[in-house]
Amino acid sequence: MKKLIVLALAISLVFALSACGKKETAQPPAAGGTTTGGTTTGGAAAGGAQNIKLTATNWKFDQPEYKVKQGQDVTVTLENKEGLHGAQIKDFNVNLSGNTLTKTFKADKAGTYDIICSVPCGQGHLNMKAKLIVES
C-alpha cells in the first residue's frame, strides 16, 4: 500500500514539474499594445478594443503591469514562450488556459487588478503575478 501511495505522489510530482517544460503558443492579436517604460498599454484593434498580449515564461509575465482605458473592450491574449501557463483576472472573469488563450471583456471598473498564473507551473508559480491597471 505504501509503495502505491509513493508511486502516485511521484507521478503527480512529475506532472507538476513537467508543466513548465511544455511549450504552447497562441496567435498574436491583430494590433498589439505598445510598450513604454515597463508597462504595456492596449493598442486599438479594428472593433475599438484594446489589445494586451501577455507573454509568459517560467514564473513571470513579460511586464509587471498593463494599462487600459476604462469603459472600453479589452482583448487579452496569452502567449507561452517558456513552459505552460495560464492567466486569470478574477474581477473580470478572465481565465486563459488550455485551448482558450484569447478573451475579450469590458474594462468597466477603474482600479488595479491582479493577473495571476492559473496553471501550476512549478516552484515560482505563487509569485507569477502582474497588474492590470484600468485608468478612468
N, C-alpha and C. Protein backbone atom coordinates (compact mmCIF):
# COMPACT_ATOMS: atom_id res chain seq x y z
N MET A 1 0.83 -1.19 0.00
CA MET A 1 0.00 0.00 0.00
C MET A 1 0.87 1.26 0.00
N LYS A 2 1.95 1.27 0.79
CA LYS A 2 2.83 2.44 0.85
C LYS A 2 3.51 2.67 -0.49
N LYS A 3 3.87 1.57 -1.17
CA LYS A 3 4.51 1.70 -2.48
C LYS A 3 3.57 2.36 -3.48
N LEU A 4 2.29 2.02 -3.41
CA LEU A 4 1.30 2.60 -4.32
C LEU A 4 1.14 4.10 -4.06
N ILE A 5 1.12 4.50 -2.81
CA ILE A 5 0.99 5.92 -2.46
C ILE A 5 2.22 6.69 -2.92
N VAL A 6 3.41 6.15 -2.68
CA VAL A 6 4.64 6.80 -3.10
C VAL A 6 4.68 6.91 -4.62
N LEU A 7 4.26 5.88 -5.32
CA LEU A 7 4.23 5.91 -6.78
C LEU A 7 3.27 7.00 -7.27
N ALA A 8 2.09 7.08 -6.68
CA ALA A 8 1.11 8.09 -7.08
C ALA A 8 1.65 9.50 -6.83
N LEU A 9 2.31 9.71 -5.70
CA LEU A 9 2.89 11.01 -5.41
C LEU A 9 4.01 11.36 -6.38
N ALA A 10 4.83 10.38 -6.72
CA ALA A 10 5.93 10.60 -7.66
C ALA A 10 5.39 10.98 -9.04
N ILE A 11 4.35 10.30 -9.48
CA ILE A 11 3.75 10.62 -10.78
C ILE A 11 3.15 12.02 -10.76
N SER A 12 2.49 12.38 -9.67
CA SER A 12 1.92 13.73 -9.54
C SER A 12 3.01 14.79 -9.59
N LEU A 13 4.11 14.53 -8.93
CA LEU A 13 5.22 15.46 -8.91
C LEU A 13 5.82 15.63 -10.31
N VAL A 14 5.95 14.54 -11.03
CA VAL A 14 6.49 14.60 -12.38
C VAL A 14 5.59 15.45 -13.27
N PHE A 15 4.26 15.27 -13.18
CA PHE A 15 3.33 16.07 -13.99
C PHE A 15 3.41 17.54 -13.61
N ALA A 16 3.48 17.84 -12.34
CA ALA A 16 3.54 19.24 -11.89
C ALA A 16 4.81 19.92 -12.38
N LEU A 17 5.92 19.24 -12.28
CA LEU A 17 7.20 19.83 -12.71
C LEU A 17 7.34 19.89 -14.22
N SER A 18 6.73 18.96 -14.92
CA SER A 18 6.86 18.96 -16.38
C SER A 18 5.96 19.99 -17.04
N ALA A 19 5.01 20.55 -16.32
CA ALA A 19 4.14 21.57 -16.91
C ALA A 19 4.95 22.75 -17.42
N CYS A 20 6.04 23.09 -16.77
CA CYS A 20 6.88 24.21 -17.22
C CYS A 20 7.75 23.83 -18.40
N GLY A 21 7.82 22.59 -18.75
CA GLY A 21 8.65 22.17 -19.86
C GLY A 21 7.91 22.13 -21.18
N LYS A 22 6.60 22.25 -21.17
CA LYS A 22 5.80 22.20 -22.36
C LYS A 22 5.73 23.57 -23.00
N LYS A 23 5.65 23.62 -24.32
CA LYS A 23 5.55 24.90 -25.00
C LYS A 23 4.26 24.93 -25.81
N GLU A 24 3.50 25.99 -25.60
CA GLU A 24 2.26 26.18 -26.33
C GLU A 24 2.20 27.64 -26.73
N THR A 25 1.85 27.91 -27.99
CA THR A 25 1.82 29.30 -28.44
C THR A 25 0.44 29.67 -28.92
N ALA A 26 0.15 30.94 -28.84
CA ALA A 26 -1.12 31.48 -29.32
C ALA A 26 -0.84 32.47 -30.44
N GLN A 27 -1.83 32.71 -31.28
CA GLN A 27 -1.68 33.70 -32.32
C GLN A 27 -1.75 35.09 -31.70
N PRO A 28 -0.86 35.99 -32.09
CA PRO A 28 -0.92 37.34 -31.54
C PRO A 28 -2.15 38.08 -32.05
N PRO A 29 -2.61 39.09 -31.31
CA PRO A 29 -3.77 39.85 -31.76
C PRO A 29 -3.44 40.65 -33.01
N ALA A 30 -4.49 41.13 -33.69
CA ALA A 30 -4.31 41.86 -34.95
C ALA A 30 -3.47 43.11 -34.77
N ALA A 31 -3.67 43.83 -33.68
CA ALA A 31 -2.89 45.04 -33.42
C ALA A 31 -2.44 44.98 -31.97
N GLY A 32 -1.15 44.83 -31.73
CA GLY A 32 -0.64 44.65 -30.37
C GLY A 32 -0.53 45.96 -29.62
N GLY A 33 -0.34 45.85 -28.32
CA GLY A 33 -0.14 47.02 -27.47
C GLY A 33 1.26 47.55 -27.65
N THR A 34 1.48 48.73 -27.11
CA THR A 34 2.81 49.32 -27.18
C THR A 34 3.44 49.27 -25.81
N THR A 35 4.75 49.12 -25.78
CA THR A 35 5.46 49.04 -24.52
C THR A 35 6.14 50.37 -24.24
N THR A 36 5.90 50.89 -23.02
CA THR A 36 6.53 52.15 -22.62
C THR A 36 6.96 52.06 -21.18
N GLY A 37 8.23 52.18 -20.93
CA GLY A 37 8.74 52.23 -19.56
C GLY A 37 8.32 51.08 -18.68
N GLY A 38 8.33 49.85 -19.20
CA GLY A 38 8.00 48.69 -18.37
C GLY A 38 6.51 48.42 -18.25
N THR A 39 5.66 49.20 -18.94
CA THR A 39 4.23 48.93 -18.90
C THR A 39 3.75 48.76 -20.32
N THR A 40 2.67 48.03 -20.49
CA THR A 40 2.09 47.86 -21.80
C THR A 40 0.73 48.53 -21.81
N THR A 41 0.51 49.37 -22.80
CA THR A 41 -0.79 49.99 -22.95
C THR A 41 -1.49 49.32 -24.10
N GLY A 42 -2.77 49.14 -23.99
CA GLY A 42 -3.52 48.43 -25.01
C GLY A 42 -3.54 49.17 -26.33
N GLY A 43 -3.25 48.47 -27.41
CA GLY A 43 -3.35 49.05 -28.74
C GLY A 43 -4.79 48.91 -29.22
N ALA A 44 -5.22 49.80 -30.08
CA ALA A 44 -6.59 49.75 -30.57
C ALA A 44 -6.70 48.72 -31.69
N ALA A 45 -7.75 47.93 -31.64
CA ALA A 45 -8.00 46.93 -32.67
C ALA A 45 -9.12 47.42 -33.58
N ALA A 46 -9.45 46.62 -34.58
CA ALA A 46 -10.44 47.00 -35.57
C ALA A 46 -11.79 47.34 -34.94
N GLY A 47 -12.24 46.64 -33.94
CA GLY A 47 -13.53 46.89 -33.32
C GLY A 47 -13.46 47.91 -32.20
N GLY A 48 -12.35 48.63 -32.06
CA GLY A 48 -12.21 49.60 -30.99
C GLY A 48 -11.72 48.97 -29.70
N ALA A 49 -11.47 47.69 -29.69
CA ALA A 49 -10.99 47.02 -28.48
C ALA A 49 -9.50 47.31 -28.29
N GLN A 50 -9.10 47.36 -27.05
CA GLN A 50 -7.68 47.48 -26.72
C GLN A 50 -7.11 46.07 -26.63
N ASN A 51 -5.89 45.88 -27.09
CA ASN A 51 -5.26 44.57 -27.05
C ASN A 51 -4.13 44.55 -26.04
N ILE A 52 -4.10 43.47 -25.27
CA ILE A 52 -2.99 43.22 -24.35
C ILE A 52 -2.45 41.84 -24.68
N LYS A 53 -1.16 41.75 -24.86
CA LYS A 53 -0.51 40.46 -25.10
C LYS A 53 0.33 40.15 -23.87
N LEU A 54 -0.04 39.09 -23.16
CA LEU A 54 0.73 38.60 -22.02
C LEU A 54 1.67 37.53 -22.53
N THR A 55 2.96 37.74 -22.37
CA THR A 55 3.94 36.73 -22.76
C THR A 55 4.46 36.09 -21.49
N ALA A 56 4.27 34.79 -21.37
CA ALA A 56 4.64 34.06 -20.15
C ALA A 56 5.89 33.23 -20.38
N THR A 57 6.82 33.36 -19.44
CA THR A 57 7.99 32.49 -19.39
C THR A 57 7.97 31.86 -17.99
N ASN A 58 8.97 31.08 -17.69
CA ASN A 58 8.95 30.40 -16.39
C ASN A 58 8.86 31.40 -15.25
N TRP A 59 7.75 31.40 -14.61
CA TRP A 59 7.45 32.11 -13.36
C TRP A 59 7.37 33.62 -13.48
N LYS A 60 7.12 34.15 -14.72
CA LYS A 60 6.88 35.58 -14.82
C LYS A 60 6.17 35.91 -16.13
N PHE A 61 5.45 37.04 -16.08
CA PHE A 61 4.88 37.63 -17.28
C PHE A 61 5.88 38.67 -17.78
N ASP A 62 5.79 39.04 -19.05
CA ASP A 62 6.80 39.93 -19.64
C ASP A 62 6.76 41.35 -19.09
N GLN A 63 5.65 41.80 -18.53
CA GLN A 63 5.54 43.14 -17.98
C GLN A 63 5.00 43.07 -16.55
N PRO A 64 5.42 43.98 -15.69
CA PRO A 64 4.88 43.99 -14.33
C PRO A 64 3.46 44.55 -14.27
N GLU A 65 3.10 45.39 -15.26
CA GLU A 65 1.75 45.94 -15.30
C GLU A 65 1.34 46.26 -16.73
N TYR A 66 0.03 46.25 -16.94
CA TYR A 66 -0.58 46.51 -18.23
C TYR A 66 -1.67 47.55 -18.00
N LYS A 67 -1.71 48.60 -18.83
CA LYS A 67 -2.67 49.69 -18.65
C LYS A 67 -3.68 49.71 -19.79
N VAL A 68 -4.96 49.92 -19.42
CA VAL A 68 -6.04 50.06 -20.38
C VAL A 68 -6.94 51.19 -19.93
N LYS A 69 -7.81 51.64 -20.82
CA LYS A 69 -8.76 52.72 -20.52
C LYS A 69 -10.09 52.12 -20.07
N GLN A 70 -10.68 52.73 -19.06
CA GLN A 70 -11.97 52.29 -18.53
C GLN A 70 -13.06 52.48 -19.59
N GLY A 71 -14.01 51.56 -19.62
CA GLY A 71 -15.16 51.65 -20.50
C GLY A 71 -14.98 51.02 -21.86
N GLN A 72 -13.79 50.60 -22.19
CA GLN A 72 -13.55 50.00 -23.49
C GLN A 72 -13.43 48.48 -23.40
N ASP A 73 -13.65 47.84 -24.54
CA ASP A 73 -13.41 46.41 -24.61
C ASP A 73 -11.92 46.16 -24.64
N VAL A 74 -11.50 45.10 -23.97
CA VAL A 74 -10.09 44.72 -23.91
C VAL A 74 -9.97 43.27 -24.36
N THR A 75 -9.09 43.02 -25.31
CA THR A 75 -8.81 41.66 -25.75
C THR A 75 -7.45 41.26 -25.18
N VAL A 76 -7.46 40.21 -24.36
CA VAL A 76 -6.24 39.71 -23.73
C VAL A 76 -5.83 38.42 -24.44
N THR A 77 -4.57 38.35 -24.83
CA THR A 77 -4.03 37.15 -25.47
C THR A 77 -2.82 36.68 -24.66
N LEU A 78 -2.77 35.39 -24.39
CA LEU A 78 -1.66 34.79 -23.66
C LEU A 78 -0.78 34.02 -24.63
N GLU A 79 0.52 34.28 -24.57
CA GLU A 79 1.49 33.52 -25.36
C GLU A 79 2.48 32.88 -24.41
N ASN A 80 2.58 31.58 -24.44
CA ASN A 80 3.54 30.84 -23.63
C ASN A 80 4.84 30.71 -24.40
N LYS A 81 5.87 31.43 -23.96
CA LYS A 81 7.18 31.35 -24.58
C LYS A 81 8.03 30.25 -23.95
N GLU A 82 7.84 30.04 -22.66
CA GLU A 82 8.63 29.05 -21.92
C GLU A 82 7.70 28.43 -20.88
N GLY A 83 7.51 27.14 -20.95
CA GLY A 83 6.63 26.47 -20.01
C GLY A 83 5.17 26.54 -20.45
N LEU A 84 4.31 26.00 -19.61
CA LEU A 84 2.87 26.00 -19.85
C LEU A 84 2.22 26.79 -18.73
N HIS A 85 1.53 27.87 -19.08
CA HIS A 85 0.96 28.77 -18.09
C HIS A 85 -0.46 29.13 -18.47
N GLY A 86 -1.15 29.76 -17.54
CA GLY A 86 -2.46 30.32 -17.77
C GLY A 86 -2.45 31.74 -17.22
N ALA A 87 -3.53 32.46 -17.45
CA ALA A 87 -3.65 33.82 -16.90
C ALA A 87 -5.09 34.01 -16.44
N GLN A 88 -5.22 34.58 -15.26
CA GLN A 88 -6.54 34.80 -14.69
C GLN A 88 -6.63 36.23 -14.14
N ILE A 89 -7.74 36.90 -14.49
CA ILE A 89 -8.09 38.20 -13.91
C ILE A 89 -9.49 37.99 -13.32
N LYS A 90 -9.54 37.65 -12.06
CA LYS A 90 -10.79 37.23 -11.42
C LYS A 90 -11.89 38.29 -11.49
N ASP A 91 -11.53 39.56 -11.31
CA ASP A 91 -12.53 40.63 -11.26
C ASP A 91 -13.27 40.83 -12.59
N PHE A 92 -12.69 40.35 -13.69
CA PHE A 92 -13.32 40.49 -15.00
C PHE A 92 -13.67 39.12 -15.60
N ASN A 93 -13.63 38.08 -14.79
CA ASN A 93 -13.98 36.73 -15.21
C ASN A 93 -13.17 36.28 -16.43
N VAL A 94 -11.87 36.56 -16.40
CA VAL A 94 -10.97 36.16 -17.48
C VAL A 94 -10.13 35.00 -16.98
N ASN A 95 -10.16 33.89 -17.72
CA ASN A 95 -9.33 32.73 -17.39
C ASN A 95 -8.81 32.15 -18.70
N LEU A 96 -7.54 32.38 -18.96
CA LEU A 96 -6.91 31.89 -20.18
C LEU A 96 -6.07 30.67 -19.85
N SER A 97 -6.48 29.53 -20.36
CA SER A 97 -5.71 28.30 -20.17
C SER A 97 -6.21 27.26 -21.17
N GLY A 98 -5.45 26.21 -21.32
CA GLY A 98 -5.84 25.15 -22.26
C GLY A 98 -5.91 25.69 -23.67
N ASN A 99 -7.07 25.52 -24.32
CA ASN A 99 -7.25 25.99 -25.69
C ASN A 99 -7.76 27.42 -25.76
N THR A 100 -8.18 27.99 -24.64
CA THR A 100 -8.68 29.37 -24.61
C THR A 100 -7.54 30.30 -24.22
N LEU A 101 -6.92 30.91 -25.21
CA LEU A 101 -5.78 31.77 -24.94
C LEU A 101 -6.04 33.22 -25.33
N THR A 102 -7.28 33.53 -25.70
CA THR A 102 -7.69 34.90 -26.01
C THR A 102 -9.09 35.11 -25.47
N LYS A 103 -9.31 36.27 -24.84
CA LYS A 103 -10.64 36.61 -24.33
C LYS A 103 -10.81 38.11 -24.37
N THR A 104 -12.04 38.54 -24.71
CA THR A 104 -12.38 39.95 -24.71
C THR A 104 -13.35 40.22 -23.58
N PHE A 105 -13.13 41.32 -22.86
CA PHE A 105 -14.02 41.72 -21.76
C PHE A 105 -14.14 43.23 -21.75
N LYS A 106 -15.11 43.73 -21.01
CA LYS A 106 -15.33 45.17 -20.86
C LYS A 106 -14.63 45.64 -19.60
N ALA A 107 -13.71 46.59 -19.73
CA ALA A 107 -12.98 47.16 -18.59
C ALA A 107 -13.85 48.27 -17.99
N ASP A 108 -14.91 47.88 -17.30
CA ASP A 108 -15.89 48.85 -16.83
C ASP A 108 -15.64 49.38 -15.42
N LYS A 109 -14.60 48.86 -14.73
CA LYS A 109 -14.31 49.30 -13.36
C LYS A 109 -12.87 49.81 -13.29
N ALA A 110 -12.71 51.09 -12.95
CA ALA A 110 -11.36 51.63 -12.79
C ALA A 110 -10.71 51.02 -11.56
N GLY A 111 -9.40 50.85 -11.60
CA GLY A 111 -8.68 50.29 -10.46
C GLY A 111 -7.50 49.45 -10.90
N THR A 112 -6.90 48.77 -9.93
CA THR A 112 -5.77 47.89 -10.17
C THR A 112 -6.18 46.47 -9.82
N TYR A 113 -5.94 45.55 -10.73
CA TYR A 113 -6.39 44.17 -10.59
C TYR A 113 -5.22 43.22 -10.79
N ASP A 114 -5.24 42.10 -10.07
CA ASP A 114 -4.19 41.09 -10.18
C ASP A 114 -4.38 40.23 -11.42
N ILE A 115 -3.28 39.97 -12.09
CA ILE A 115 -3.21 38.96 -13.15
C ILE A 115 -2.32 37.87 -12.57
N ILE A 116 -2.86 36.66 -12.46
CA ILE A 116 -2.09 35.57 -11.87
C ILE A 116 -2.02 34.40 -12.83
N CYS A 117 -1.00 33.57 -12.66
CA CYS A 117 -0.89 32.34 -13.42
C CYS A 117 -1.90 31.35 -12.85
N SER A 118 -2.72 30.77 -13.72
CA SER A 118 -3.77 29.86 -13.27
C SER A 118 -3.43 28.39 -13.49
N VAL A 119 -2.23 28.11 -13.98
CA VAL A 119 -1.79 26.73 -14.20
C VAL A 119 -0.58 26.48 -13.30
N PRO A 120 -0.67 25.51 -12.37
CA PRO A 120 0.50 25.23 -11.52
C PRO A 120 1.72 24.92 -12.39
N CYS A 121 2.75 25.77 -12.25
CA CYS A 121 3.87 25.69 -13.20
C CYS A 121 5.21 25.47 -12.51
N GLY A 122 5.20 25.06 -11.27
CA GLY A 122 6.46 24.76 -10.63
C GLY A 122 6.77 25.66 -9.46
N GLN A 123 8.04 25.71 -9.09
CA GLN A 123 8.47 26.34 -7.85
C GLN A 123 8.18 27.83 -7.75
N GLY A 124 8.12 28.57 -8.84
CA GLY A 124 7.86 30.00 -8.79
C GLY A 124 6.43 30.38 -9.09
N HIS A 125 5.53 29.41 -9.16
CA HIS A 125 4.13 29.64 -9.55
C HIS A 125 3.43 30.69 -8.69
N LEU A 126 3.59 30.61 -7.39
CA LEU A 126 2.87 31.53 -6.50
C LEU A 126 3.30 32.98 -6.66
N ASN A 127 4.47 33.21 -7.21
CA ASN A 127 4.97 34.57 -7.41
C ASN A 127 4.75 35.08 -8.83
N MET A 128 4.09 34.30 -9.68
CA MET A 128 3.87 34.68 -11.07
C MET A 128 2.64 35.58 -11.14
N LYS A 129 2.87 36.89 -11.03
CA LYS A 129 1.78 37.85 -10.98
C LYS A 129 2.16 39.10 -11.77
N ALA A 130 1.14 39.81 -12.22
CA ALA A 130 1.28 41.13 -12.83
C ALA A 130 0.04 41.92 -12.44
N LYS A 131 -0.03 43.16 -12.88
CA LYS A 131 -1.16 44.03 -12.54
C LYS A 131 -1.83 44.53 -13.83
N LEU A 132 -3.17 44.61 -13.78
CA LEU A 132 -3.93 45.27 -14.82
C LEU A 132 -4.42 46.57 -14.21
N ILE A 133 -4.06 47.69 -14.83
CA ILE A 133 -4.47 48.99 -14.34
C ILE A 133 -5.50 49.55 -15.32
N VAL A 134 -6.73 49.73 -14.83
CA VAL A 134 -7.80 50.30 -15.63
C VAL A 134 -7.90 51.77 -15.25
N GLU A 135 -7.52 52.64 -16.20
CA GLU A 135 -7.49 54.08 -15.94
C GLU A 135 -8.78 54.73 -16.39
N SER A 136 -9.29 55.64 -15.56
CA SER A 136 -10.54 56.34 -15.92
C SER A 136 -10.25 57.54 -16.81
